Amino acid sequence: MALMALTGLNAAHAQEYPDRPLTVLVGYKAGGQTDLVARGVARVLSGQLGVPVNVVNKPGGGGILAAHELQKAKPDGYTILFHSNSVINTEPFMMKRVTFTPDDFEYAGMITAYQVSLATQKDAPYDTLAEFVAWAKGNPGFSYGSLSPTARMIMEVIAKKEGLDVNIVPLKGGGDMMNALLGKQVALVLSGGIHYKYPDELKSIVALTTFRHPSAPEVETINEAGYPLGMDSRTTLILPKGTPRAALERLSTALKAAETDADFAKVVPAANIPILYKDLDAAAAEVSESYTQNQAIFENAGIEPQ
């Protein structure tokens, strides 16, 4: 009887949902790569669901602030975090105050994969990570732009192994990162791929994913370069724990429409973030599996949460 009642509630929710505007939280400032894709997704969702979808920027801690706010939201499907799954499968291994696990949230799908890499100016005197390390040894105190705890960790591991003296410059969003890079305020940054938009001005020296990037297939991965730090990151619709499956399914179906949406197709090349849709169940599995894989990377690197 209880199961039948629950099924009835889910069916009712599916028929009624959504009947008012949705709020999509973004854990970075406006203007960056994630924000651009989030706004493209919001337009698709609005068109599919027939209600306004409002994007609200909540920058701080690489998405941690926004994730904490999501946890406080009512689990009714009306508050969503659009963010890289790194906020769940990576940040907890960097910061003691972050205790998220995959089971603390629900997932309605994934839509794009980041071409994460270490990026620099086109005229920088190094084209590979090995060449950068050699240059950095002769240029102690070089500046590195860090957008998140993970970005900081990557450089700290490299610096420790190679004995580099680095000045880590904290950044609060993709817009800040691009300004620092294009303005030559930093020698290197961790970029989610938006730098590929400027092929005449910027370049990658190493891919931080487990795969070589479509935008720069000649650039080796971090694992190929001898540092076992490769991690993949995907934009994900994340919702509060306990959100009804009916709402998750409705959102997942709506998100899939982005694969063939003409307007969204214009956003993706601008952000250089390839489409790779996963439905709600595949997304949940991806977050769980990557959490385990990334935990091993951090442990093997000797990184402990601070």
C-alpha atoms as a PDB file:
ATOM      1  CA  MET A   1       0.000   0.000   0.000  1.00  0.00           C
ATOM      2  CA  ALA A   2       2.835   2.385   0.945  1.00  0.00           C
ATOM      3  CA  LEU A   3       4.606   1.676  -2.346  1.00  0.00           C
ATOM      4  CA  MET A   4       1.390   2.318  -4.294  1.00  0.00           C
ATOM      5  CA  ALA A   5       0.910   5.596  -2.439  1.00  0.00           C
ATOM      6  CA  LEU A   6       4.465   6.668  -3.200  1.00  0.00           C
ATOM      7  CA  THR A   7       4.038   5.770  -6.857  1.00  0.00           C
ATOM      8  CA  GLY A   8       0.872   7.809  -6.936  1.00  0.00           C
ATOM      9  CA  LEU A   9       2.650  10.809  -5.446  1.00  0.00           C
ATOM     10  CA  ASN A  10       5.428  10.535  -8.008  1.00  0.00           C
ATOM     11  CA  ALA A  11       2.901  10.363 -10.832  1.00  0.00           C
ATOM     12  CA  ALA A  12       1.093  13.403  -9.484  1.00  0.00           C
ATOM     13  CA  HIS A  13       4.368  15.282  -9.155  1.00  0.00           C
ATOM     14  CA  ALA A  14       5.291  14.385 -12.738  1.00  0.00           C
ATOM     15  CA  GLN A  15       1.998  15.821 -14.017  1.00  0.00           C
ATOM     16  CA  GLU A  16       2.327  19.031 -12.008  1.00  0.00           C
ATOM     17  CA  TYR A  17       6.064  19.611 -12.291  1.00  0.00           C
ATOM     18  CA  PRO A  18       7.124  22.234 -13.011  1.00  0.00           C
ATOM     19  CA  ASP A  19       4.385  24.780 -12.436  1.00  0.00           C
ATOM     20  CA  ARG A  20       6.595  27.754 -11.510  1.00  0.00           C
ATOM     21  CA  PRO A  21      10.072  29.134 -12.352  1.00  0.00           C
ATOM     22  CA  LEU A  22      13.215  27.112 -11.665  1.00  0.00           C
ATOM     23  CA  THR A  23      16.426  28.506 -10.181  1.00  0.00           C
ATOM     24  CA  VAL A  24      19.761  27.306 -11.514  1.00  0.00           C
ATOM     25  CA  LEU A  25      22.740  28.068  -9.281  1.00  0.00           C
ATOM     26  CA  VAL A  26      26.187  28.486 -10.842  1.00  0.00           C
ATOM     27  CA  GLY A  27      29.219  28.318  -8.576  1.00  0.00           C
ATOM     28  CA  TYR A  28      31.249  30.865 -10.547  1.00  0.00           C
ATOM     29  CA  LYS A  29      30.970  34.534 -11.521  1.00  0.00           C
ATOM     30  CA  ALA A  30      29.065  35.519 -14.661  1.00  0.00           C
ATOM     31  CA  GLY A  31      30.966  35.507 -17.950  1.00  0.00           C
ATOM     32  CA  GLY A  32      33.073  32.388 -17.519  1.00  0.00           C
ATOM     33  CA  GLN A  33      32.837  29.076 -19.333  1.00  0.00           C
ATOM     34  CA  THR A  34      30.521  27.308 -16.886  1.00  0.00           C
ATOM     35  CA  ASP A  35      28.258  30.344 -16.700  1.00  0.00           C
ATOM     36  CA  LEU A  36      27.976  30.554 -20.502  1.00  0.00           C
ATOM     37  CA  VAL A  37      27.021  26.888 -20.795  1.00  0.00           C
ATOM     38  CA  ALA A  38      24.644  27.148 -17.829  1.00  0.00           C
ATOM     39  CA  ARG A  39      22.752  29.980 -19.497  1.00  0.00           C
ATOM     40  CA  GLY A  40      22.534  27.974 -22.706  1.00  0.00           C
ATOM     41  CA  VAL A  41      21.184  25.000 -20.762  1.00  0.00           C
ATOM     42  CA  ALA A  42      18.720  27.249 -18.921  1.00  0.00           C
ATOM     43  CA  ARG A  43      17.260  28.411 -22.235  1.00  0.00           C
ATOM     44  CA  VAL A  44      16.865  24.822 -23.394  1.00  0.00           C
ATOM     45  CA  LEU A  45      15.237  23.747 -20.132  1.00  0.00           C
ATOM     46  CA  SER A  46      12.876  26.721 -20.197  1.00  0.00           C
ATOM     47  CA  GLY A  47      11.775  25.877 -23.719  1.00  0.00           C
ATOM     48  CA  GLN A  48      11.261  22.218 -22.881  1.00  0.00           C
ATOM     49  CA  LEU A  49       9.553  22.715 -19.512  1.00  0.00           C
ATOM     50  CA  GLY A  50       7.466  25.779 -20.366  1.00  0.00           C
ATOM     51  CA  VAL A  51       8.539  27.832 -17.325  1.00  0.00           C
ATOM     52  CA  PRO A  52      11.245  30.471 -16.758  1.00  0.00           C
ATOM     53  CA  VAL A  53      14.626  29.119 -15.657  1.00  0.00           C
ATOM     54  CA  ASN A  54      16.635  31.757 -13.816  1.00  0.00           C
ATOM     55  CA  VAL A  55      20.421  31.563 -13.481  1.00  0.00           C
ATOM     56  CA  VAL A  56      21.855  32.832 -10.175  1.00  0.00           C
ATOM     57  CA  ASN A  57      25.633  33.122  -9.744  1.00  0.00           C
ATOM     58  CA  LYS A  58      26.991  32.060  -6.353  1.00  0.00           C
ATOM     59  CA  PRO A  59      30.803  32.150  -6.714  1.00  0.00           C
ATOM     60  CA  GLY A  60      33.076  30.837  -4.011  1.00  0.00           C
ATOM     61  CA  GLY A  61      35.342  27.863  -3.348  1.00  0.00           C
ATOM     62  CA  GLY A  62      35.088  26.386  -6.822  1.00  0.00           C
ATOM     63  CA  GLY A  63      31.365  25.742  -6.389  1.00  0.00           C
ATOM     64  CA  ILE A  64      31.435  24.776  -2.715  1.00  0.00           C
ATOM     65  CA  LEU A  65      29.388  27.787  -1.630  1.00  0.00           C
ATOM     66  CA  ALA A  66      26.703  27.040  -4.207  1.00  0.00           C
ATOM     67  CA  ALA A  67      26.646  23.341  -3.278  1.00  0.00           C
ATOM     68  CA  HIS A  68      26.137  24.197   0.395  1.00  0.00           C
ATOM     69  CA  GLU A  69      23.255  26.478  -0.582  1.00  0.00           C
ATOM     70  CA  LEU A  70      21.746  23.693  -2.676  1.00  0.00           C
ATOM     71  CA  GLN A  71      21.743  21.394   0.336  1.00  0.00           C
ATOM     72  CA  LYS A  72      19.570  23.913   2.195  1.00  0.00           C
ATOM     73  CA  ALA A  73      17.033  24.079  -0.636  1.00  0.00           C
ATOM     74  CA  LYS A  74      13.751  22.213  -0.575  1.00  0.00           C
ATOM     75  CA  PRO A  75      14.058  18.909  -2.505  1.00  0.00           C
ATOM     76  CA  ASP A  76      11.220  19.663  -4.900  1.00  0.00           C
ATOM     77  CA  GLY A  77      13.092  20.069  -8.191  1.00  0.00           C
ATOM     78  CA  TYR A  78      12.909  23.857  -8.286  1.00  0.00           C
ATOM     79  CA  THR A  79      16.485  24.574  -7.198  1.00  0.00           C
ATOM     80  CA  ILE A  80      19.289  23.094  -9.291  1.00  0.00           C
ATOM     81  CA  LEU A  81      23.063  23.450  -9.257  1.00  0.00           C
ATOM     82  CA  PHE A  82      24.651  23.479 -12.696  1.00  0.00           C
ATOM     83  CA  HIS A  83      28.286  22.748 -12.088  1.00  0.00           C
ATOM     84  CA  SER A  84      31.186  20.478 -12.783  1.00  0.00           C
ATOM     85  CA  ASN A  85      30.943  17.218 -10.877  1.00  0.00           C
ATOM     86  CA  SER A  86      34.350  18.151  -9.434  1.00  0.00           C
ATOM     87  CA  VAL A  87      32.581  19.900  -6.562  1.00  0.00           C
ATOM     88  CA  ILE A  88      31.582  16.418  -5.376  1.00  0.00           C
ATOM     89  CA  ASN A  89      34.240  14.068  -6.703  1.00  0.00           C
ATOM     90  CA  THR A  90      37.313  16.248  -6.147  1.00  0.00           C
ATOM     91  CA  GLU A  91      36.920  19.114  -3.678  1.00  0.00           C
ATOM     92  CA  PRO A  92      36.224  16.833  -0.648  1.00  0.00           C
ATOM     93  CA  PHE A  93      39.746  15.431  -1.036  1.00  0.00           C
ATOM     94  CA  MET A  94      41.195  18.940  -0.851  1.00  0.00           C
ATOM     95  CA  MET A  95      39.337  20.587   2.025  1.00  0.00           C
ATOM     96  CA  LYS A  96      38.361  19.147   5.416  1.00  0.00           C
ATOM     97  CA  ARG A  97      35.303  21.380   5.648  1.00  0.00           C
ATOM     98  CA  VAL A  98      33.921  19.849   2.453  1.00  0.00           C
ATOM     99  CA  THR A  99      32.358  16.503   3.255  1.00  0.00           C
ATOM    100  CA  PHE A 100      30.188  15.929   0.177  1.00  0.00           C
ATOM    101  CA  THR A 101      29.837  12.408  -1.143  1.00  0.00           C
ATOM    102  CA  PRO A 102      27.898  11.277  -4.223  1.00  0.00           C
ATOM    103  CA  ASP A 103      25.067  10.098  -1.962  1.00  0.00           C
ATOM    104  CA  ASP A 104      24.453  13.615  -0.631  1.00  0.00           C
ATOM    105  CA  PHE A 105      22.763  14.779  -3.846  1.00  0.00           C
ATOM    106  CA  GLU A 106      20.533  13.687  -6.715  1.00  0.00           C
ATOM    107  CA  TYR A 107      21.472  13.979 -10.394  1.00  0.00           C
ATOM    108  CA  ALA A 108      19.347  14.784 -13.439  1.00  0.00           C
ATOM    109  CA  GLY A 109      22.021  14.321 -16.097  1.00  0.00           C
ATOM    110  CA  MET A 110      25.252  15.585 -17.632  1.00  0.00           C
ATOM    111  CA  ILE A 111      25.607  17.566 -20.841  1.00  0.00           C
ATOM    112  CA  THR A 112      29.213  18.600 -21.584  1.00  0.00           C
ATOM    113  CA  ALA A 113      32.789  17.524 -20.847  1.00  0.00           C
ATOM    114  CA  TYR A 114      35.507  20.038 -19.991  1.00  0.00           C
ATOM    115  CA  GLN A 115      38.744  20.136 -21.964  1.00  0.00           C
ATOM    116  CA  VAL A 116      40.714  20.881 -18.820  1.00  0.00           C
ATOM    117  CA  SER A 117      44.360  21.778 -19.332  1.00  0.00           C
ATOM    118  CA  LEU A 118      47.214  23.981 -18.223  1.00  0.00           C
ATOM    119  CA  ALA A 119      47.107  26.989 -20.520  1.00  0.00           C
ATOM    120  CA  THR A 120      49.440  29.870 -21.249  1.00  0.00           C
ATOM    121  CA  GLN A 121      50.139  32.616 -23.769  1.00  0.00           C
ATOM    122  CA  LYS A 122      50.911  31.613 -27.342  1.00  0.00           C
ATOM    123  CA  ASP A 123      54.329  33.280 -27.211  1.00  0.00           C
ATOM    124  CA  ALA A 124      55.358  31.675 -23.905  1.00  0.00           C
ATOM    125  CA  PRO A 125      58.806  30.014 -24.201  1.00  0.00           C
ATOM    126  CA  TYR A 126      57.442  26.531 -23.461  1.00  0.00           C
ATOM    127  CA  ASP A 127      55.081  24.231 -25.385  1.00  0.00           C
ATOM    128  CA  THR A 128      55.044  21.181 -23.116  1.00  0.00           C
ATOM    129  CA  LEU A 129      54.909  20.548 -19.395  1.00  0.00           C
ATOM    130  CA  ALA A 130      58.534  19.391 -19.400  1.00  0.00           C
ATOM    131  CA  GLU A 131      59.594  22.632 -21.081  1.00  0.00           C
ATOM    132  CA  PHE A 132      57.542  24.655 -18.579  1.00  0.00           C
ATOM    133  CA  VAL A 133      59.204  22.910 -15.632  1.00  0.00           C
ATOM    134  CA  ALA A 134      62.626  23.725 -17.071  1.00  0.00           C
ATOM    135  CA  TRP A 135      61.600  27.358 -17.544  1.00  0.00           C
ATOM    136  CA  ALA A 136      60.060  27.599 -14.063  1.00  0.00           C
ATOM    137  CA  LYS A 137      63.267  26.408 -12.423  1.00  0.00           C
ATOM    138  CA  GLY A 138      64.979  29.430 -13.932  1.00  0.00           C
ATOM    139  CA  ASN A 139      62.133  31.781 -13.032  1.00  0.00           C
ATOM    140  CA  PRO A 140      61.368  31.302  -9.324  1.00  0.00           C
ATOM    141  CA  GLY A 141      58.271  33.053  -8.002  1.00  0.00           C
ATOM    142  CA  PHE A 142      56.317  32.732 -11.265  1.00  0.00           C
ATOM    143  CA  SER A 143      52.570  33.414 -10.976  1.00  0.00           C
ATOM    144  CA  TYR A 144      49.972  30.674 -11.436  1.00  0.00           C
ATOM    145  CA  GLY A 145      46.258  31.498 -11.616  1.00  0.00           C
ATOM    146  CA  SER A 146      44.076  29.205  -9.496  1.00  0.00           C
ATOM    147  CA  LEU A 147      40.290  29.086  -9.886  1.00  0.00           C
ATOM    148  CA  SER A 148      39.651  26.215  -7.461  1.00  0.00           C
ATOM    149  CA  PRO A 149      41.265  23.977  -4.831  1.00  0.00           C
ATOM    150  CA  THR A 150      41.869  21.382  -7.542  1.00  0.00           C
ATOM    151  CA  ALA A 151      43.745  23.895  -9.674  1.00  0.00           C
ATOM    152  CA  ARG A 152      45.919  24.703  -6.686  1.00  0.00           C
ATOM    153  CA  MET A 153      46.527  21.014  -5.977  1.00  0.00           C
ATOM    154  CA  ILE A 154      47.719  20.256  -9.529  1.00  0.00           C
ATOM    155  CA  MET A 155      50.388  22.945  -9.397  1.00  0.00           C
ATOM    156  CA  GLU A 156      51.396  22.148  -5.807  1.00  0.00           C
ATOM    157  CA  VAL A 157      52.019  18.501  -6.730  1.00  0.00           C
ATOM    158  CA  ILE A 158      54.112  19.494  -9.755  1.00  0.00           C
ATOM    159  CA  ALA A 159      55.978  22.162  -7.793  1.00  0.00           C
ATOM    160  CA  LYS A 160      56.761  19.770  -4.938  1.00  0.00           C
ATOM    161  CA  LYS A 161      58.023  17.063  -7.256  1.00  0.00           C
ATOM    162  CA  GLU A 162      60.155  19.439  -9.302  1.00  0.00           C
ATOM    163  CA  GLY A 163      61.223  21.869  -6.581  1.00  0.00           C
ATOM    164  CA  LEU A 164      59.509  24.900  -8.106  1.00  0.00           C
ATOM    165  CA  ASP A 165      58.903  28.247  -6.386  1.00  0.00           C
ATOM    166  CA  VAL A 166      55.375  29.329  -7.335  1.00  0.00           C
ATOM    167  CA  ASN A 167      53.163  32.288  -6.447  1.00  0.00           C
ATOM    168  CA  ILE A 168      49.567  31.061  -6.560  1.00  0.00           C
ATOM    169  CA  VAL A 169      47.107  33.817  -7.515  1.00  0.00           C
ATOM    170  CA  PRO A 170      43.478  33.082  -6.467  1.00  0.00           C
ATOM    171  CA  LEU A 171      40.828  33.774  -9.118  1.00  0.00           C
ATOM    172  CA  LYS A 172      37.043  33.823  -8.681  1.00  0.00           C
ATOM    173  CA  GLY A 173      35.702  32.974 -12.113  1.00  0.00           C
ATOM    174  CA  GLY A 174      36.385  32.191 -15.739  1.00  0.00           C
ATOM    175  CA  GLY A 175      36.272  35.866 -16.630  1.00  0.00           C
ATOM    176  CA  ASP A 176      38.983  36.660 -14.079  1.00  0.00           C
ATOM    177  CA  MET A 177      41.028  33.730 -15.324  1.00  0.00           C
ATOM    178  CA  MET A 178      40.883  34.861 -18.953  1.00  0.00           C
ATOM    179  CA  ASN A 179      41.736  38.460 -18.044  1.00  0.00           C
ATOM    180  CA  ALA A 180      44.740  37.313 -16.021  1.00  0.00           C
ATOM    181  CA  LEU A 181      45.927  35.055 -18.824  1.00  0.00           C
ATOM    182  CA  LEU A 182      45.362  37.426 -21.740  1.00  0.00           C
ATOM    183  CA  GLY A 183      46.789  40.299 -19.702  1.00  0.00           C
ATOM    184  CA  LYS A 184      49.920  38.235 -18.963  1.00  0.00           C
ATOM    185  CA  GLN A 185      49.406  38.669 -15.228  1.00  0.00           C
ATOM    186  CA  VAL A 186      50.113  34.946 -14.754  1.00  0.00           C
ATOM    187  CA  ALA A 187      52.422  32.498 -16.489  1.00  0.00           C
ATOM    188  CA  LEU A 188      49.972  29.608 -16.396  1.00  0.00           C
ATOM    189  CA  VAL A 189      46.406  28.718 -15.393  1.00  0.00           C
ATOM    190  CA  LEU A 190      44.213  25.677 -15.131  1.00  0.00           C
ATOM    191  CA  SER A 191      41.501  26.250 -17.736  1.00  0.00           C
ATOM    192  CA  GLY A 192      38.343  24.271 -18.387  1.00  0.00           C
ATOM    193  CA  GLY A 193      38.837  24.814 -22.115  1.00  0.00           C
ATOM    194  CA  ILE A 194      37.610  28.333 -22.779  1.00  0.00           C
ATOM    195  CA  HIS A 195      41.140  29.388 -23.708  1.00  0.00           C
ATOM    196  CA  TYR A 196      40.746  27.388 -26.916  1.00  0.00           C
ATOM    197  CA  LYS A 197      38.535  30.253 -28.059  1.00  0.00           C
ATOM    198  CA  TYR A 198      41.727  32.280 -28.555  1.00  0.00           C
ATOM    199  CA  PRO A 199      43.966  30.046 -30.723  1.00  0.00           C
ATOM    200  CA  ASP A 200      46.114  32.960 -31.889  1.00  0.00           C
ATOM    201  CA  GLU A 201      46.794  34.174 -28.364  1.00  0.00           C
ATOM    202  CA  LEU A 202      46.696  31.139 -26.072  1.00  0.00           C
ATOM    203  CA  LYS A 203      47.758  27.487 -26.038  1.00  0.00           C
ATOM    204  CA  SER A 204      47.655  24.336 -23.908  1.00  0.00           C
ATOM    205  CA  ILE A 205      50.850  22.741 -22.675  1.00  0.00           C
ATOM    206  CA  VAL A 206      49.242  19.614 -21.177  1.00  0.00           C
ATOM    207  CA  ALA A 207      45.744  18.101 -20.992  1.00  0.00           C
ATOM    208  CA  LEU A 208      44.592  17.403 -17.425  1.00  0.00           C
ATOM    209  CA  THR A 209      42.021  14.828 -18.550  1.00  0.00           C
ATOM    210  CA  THR A 210      42.498  11.136 -19.263  1.00  0.00           C
ATOM    211  CA  PHE A 211      41.923  11.864 -22.966  1.00  0.00           C
ATOM    212  CA  ARG A 212      43.605  14.144 -25.490  1.00  0.00           C
ATOM    213  CA  HIS A 213      41.461  17.101 -26.436  1.00  0.00           C
ATOM    214  CA  PRO A 214      39.634  17.455 -29.750  1.00  0.00           C
ATOM    215  CA  SER A 215      40.762  21.093 -29.796  1.00  0.00           C
ATOM    216  CA  ALA A 216      44.463  20.174 -29.419  1.00  0.00           C
ATOM    217  CA  PRO A 217      45.038  16.467 -30.133  1.00  0.00           C
ATOM    218  CA  GLU A 218      48.793  16.980 -30.398  1.00  0.00           C
ATOM    219  CA  VAL A 219      49.051  18.007 -26.721  1.00  0.00           C
ATOM    220  CA  GLU A 220      49.865  15.128 -24.368  1.00  0.00           C
ATOM    221  CA  THR A 221      47.883  14.293 -21.248  1.00  0.00           C
ATOM    222  CA  ILE A 222      49.185  14.823 -17.727  1.00  0.00           C
ATOM    223  CA  ASN A 223      49.443  11.042 -17.304  1.00  0.00           C
ATOM    224  CA  GLU A 224      51.493  10.783 -20.496  1.00  0.00           C
ATOM    225  CA  ALA A 225      53.745  13.533 -19.123  1.00  0.00           C
ATOM    226  CA  GLY A 226      54.555  11.398 -16.098  1.00  0.00           C
ATOM    227  CA  TYR A 227      52.185  12.802 -13.473  1.00  0.00           C
ATOM    228  CA  PRO A 228      49.267  10.427 -12.642  1.00  0.00           C
ATOM    229  CA  LEU A 229      46.777  13.246 -12.062  1.00  0.00           C
ATOM    230  CA  GLY A 230      44.363  12.917 -14.994  1.00  0.00           C
ATOM    231  CA  MET A 231      40.735  13.536 -13.999  1.00  0.00           C
ATOM    232  CA  ASP A 232      37.667  14.105 -16.157  1.00  0.00           C
ATOM    233  CA  SER A 233      35.060  16.746 -15.385  1.00  0.00           C
ATOM    234  CA  ARG A 234      31.494  17.087 -16.704  1.00  0.00           C
ATOM    235  CA  THR A 235      28.781  19.695 -16.269  1.00  0.00           C
ATOM    236  CA  THR A 236      25.998  18.159 -14.219  1.00  0.00           C
ATOM    237  CA  LEU A 237      22.481  19.014 -13.080  1.00  0.00           C
ATOM    238  CA  ILE A 238      22.737  18.472  -9.308  1.00  0.00           C
ATOM    239  CA  LEU A 239      19.725  18.596  -6.996  1.00  0.00           C
ATOM    240  CA  PRO A 240      19.029  18.291  -3.260  1.00  0.00           C
ATOM    241  CA  LYS A 241      18.888  14.810  -1.764  1.00  0.00           C
ATOM    242  CA  GLY A 242      15.345  13.494  -1.791  1.00  0.00           C
ATOM    243  CA  THR A 243      14.203  15.249  -4.966  1.00  0.00           C
ATOM    244  CA  PRO A 244      11.442  13.051  -6.472  1.00  0.00           C
ATOM    245  CA  ARG A 245      12.579  10.811  -9.298  1.00  0.00           C
ATOM    246  CA  ALA A 246       9.697  12.125 -11.395  1.00  0.00           C
ATOM    247  CA  ALA A 247      11.284  15.587 -11.323  1.00  0.00           C
ATOM    248  CA  LEU A 248      14.721  14.167 -12.114  1.00  0.00           C
ATOM    249  CA  GLU A 249      13.338  12.261 -15.096  1.00  0.00           C
ATOM    250  CA  ARG A 250      11.541  15.367 -16.382  1.00  0.00           C
ATOM    251  CA  LEU A 251      14.752  17.402 -16.138  1.00  0.00           C
ATOM    252  CA  SER A 252      16.843  14.635 -17.683  1.00  0.00           C
ATOM    253  CA  THR A 253      14.555  14.427 -20.700  1.00  0.00           C
ATOM    254  CA  ALA A 254      14.551  18.213 -21.067  1.00  0.00           C
ATOM    255  CA  LEU A 255      18.347  18.337 -20.837  1.00  0.00           C
ATOM    256  CA  LYS A 256      18.732  15.776 -23.619  1.00  0.00           C
ATOM    257  CA  ALA A 257      17.142  18.280 -26.003  1.00  0.00           C
ATOM    258  CA  ALA A 258      20.332  20.363 -25.726  1.00  0.00           C
ATOM    259  CA  GLU A 259      22.093  17.731 -27.852  1.00  0.00           C
ATOM    260  CA  THR A 260      20.216  18.903 -30.934  1.00  0.00           C
ATOM    261  CA  ASP A 261      19.247  22.456 -29.959  1.00  0.00           C
ATOM    262  CA  ALA A 262      20.463  24.962 -32.576  1.00  0.00           C
ATOM    263  CA  ASP A 263      21.036  27.800 -30.114  1.00  0.00           C
ATOM    264  CA  PHE A 264      22.895  25.584 -27.678  1.00  0.00           C
ATOM    265  CA  ALA A 265      25.051  24.366 -30.548  1.00  0.00           C
ATOM    266  CA  LYS A 266      26.284  27.951 -30.895  1.00  0.00           C
ATOM    267  CA  VAL A 267      27.161  28.215 -27.199  1.00  0.00           C
ATOM    268  CA  VAL A 268      29.263  25.064 -27.045  1.00  0.00           C
ATOM    269  CA  PRO A 269      31.890  26.053 -29.650  1.00  0.00           C
ATOM    270  CA  ALA A 270      32.179  29.476 -28.010  1.00  0.00           C
ATOM    271  CA  ALA A 271      33.034  27.792 -24.711  1.00  0.00           C
ATOM    272  CA  ASN A 272      35.001  24.929 -26.309  1.00  0.00           C
ATOM    273  CA  ILE A 273      33.260  22.325 -24.200  1.00  0.00           C
ATOM    274  CA  PRO A 274      32.140  19.240 -26.196  1.00  0.00           C
ATOM    275  CA  ILE A 275      28.624  17.840 -25.754  1.00  0.00           C
ATOM    276  CA  LEU A 276      28.469  14.436 -24.082  1.00  0.00           C
ATOM    277  CA  TYR A 277      24.984  13.861 -22.683  1.00  0.00           C
ATOM    278  CA  LYS A 278      24.312  11.332 -19.923  1.00  0.00           C
ATOM    279  CA  ASP A 279      20.865  10.675 -18.449  1.00  0.00           C
ATOM    280  CA  LEU A 280      20.082  10.717 -14.733  1.00  0.00           C
ATOM    281  CA  ASP A 281      21.183   7.146 -14.003  1.00  0.00           C
ATOM    282  CA  ALA A 282      24.370   7.363 -16.072  1.00  0.00           C
ATOM    283  CA  ALA A 283      25.191  10.678 -14.397  1.00  0.00           C
ATOM    284  CA  ALA A 284      24.786   9.199 -10.912  1.00  0.00           C
ATOM    285  CA  ALA A 285      27.031   6.289 -11.870  1.00  0.00           C
ATOM    286  CA  GLU A 286      29.658   8.645 -13.329  1.00  0.00           C
ATOM    287  CA  VAL A 287      29.789  10.756 -10.158  1.00  0.00           C
ATOM    288  CA  SER A 288      30.144   7.671  -7.968  1.00  0.00           C
ATOM    289  CA  GLU A 289      32.815   6.006 -10.115  1.00  0.00           C
ATOM    290  CA  SER A 290      34.857   9.188 -10.564  1.00  0.00           C
ATOM    291  CA  TYR A 291      34.676   9.863  -6.816  1.00  0.00           C
ATOM    292  CA  THR A 292      36.395   6.526  -6.160  1.00  0.00           C
ATOM    293  CA  GLN A 293      38.943   7.041  -8.950  1.00  0.00           C
ATOM    294  CA  ASN A 294      39.823  10.571  -7.858  1.00  0.00           C
ATOM    295  CA  GLN A 295      40.145   9.536  -4.234  1.00  0.00           C
ATOM    296  CA  ALA A 296      42.876   7.117  -5.297  1.00  0.00           C
ATOM    297  CA  ILE A 297      44.662   9.869  -7.245  1.00  0.00           C
ATOM    298  CA  PHE A 298      44.751  12.175  -4.237  1.00  0.00           C
ATOM    299  CA  GLU A 299      45.863   9.418  -1.881  1.00  0.00           C
ATOM    300  CA  ASN A 300      48.618   8.281  -4.250  1.00  0.00           C
ATOM    301  CA  ALA A 301      49.774  11.895  -4.581  1.00  0.00           C
ATOM    302  CA  GLY A 302      50.018  12.141  -0.816  1.00  0.00           C
ATOM    303  CA  ILE A 303      47.448  14.952  -0.681  1.00  0.00           C
ATOM    304  CA  GLU A 304      45.493  15.312   2.539  1.00  0.00           C
ATOM    305  CA  PRO A 305      42.514  17.643   3.046  1.00  0.00           C
ATOM    306  CA  GLN A 306      43.505  20.956   4.620  1.00  0.00           C
END
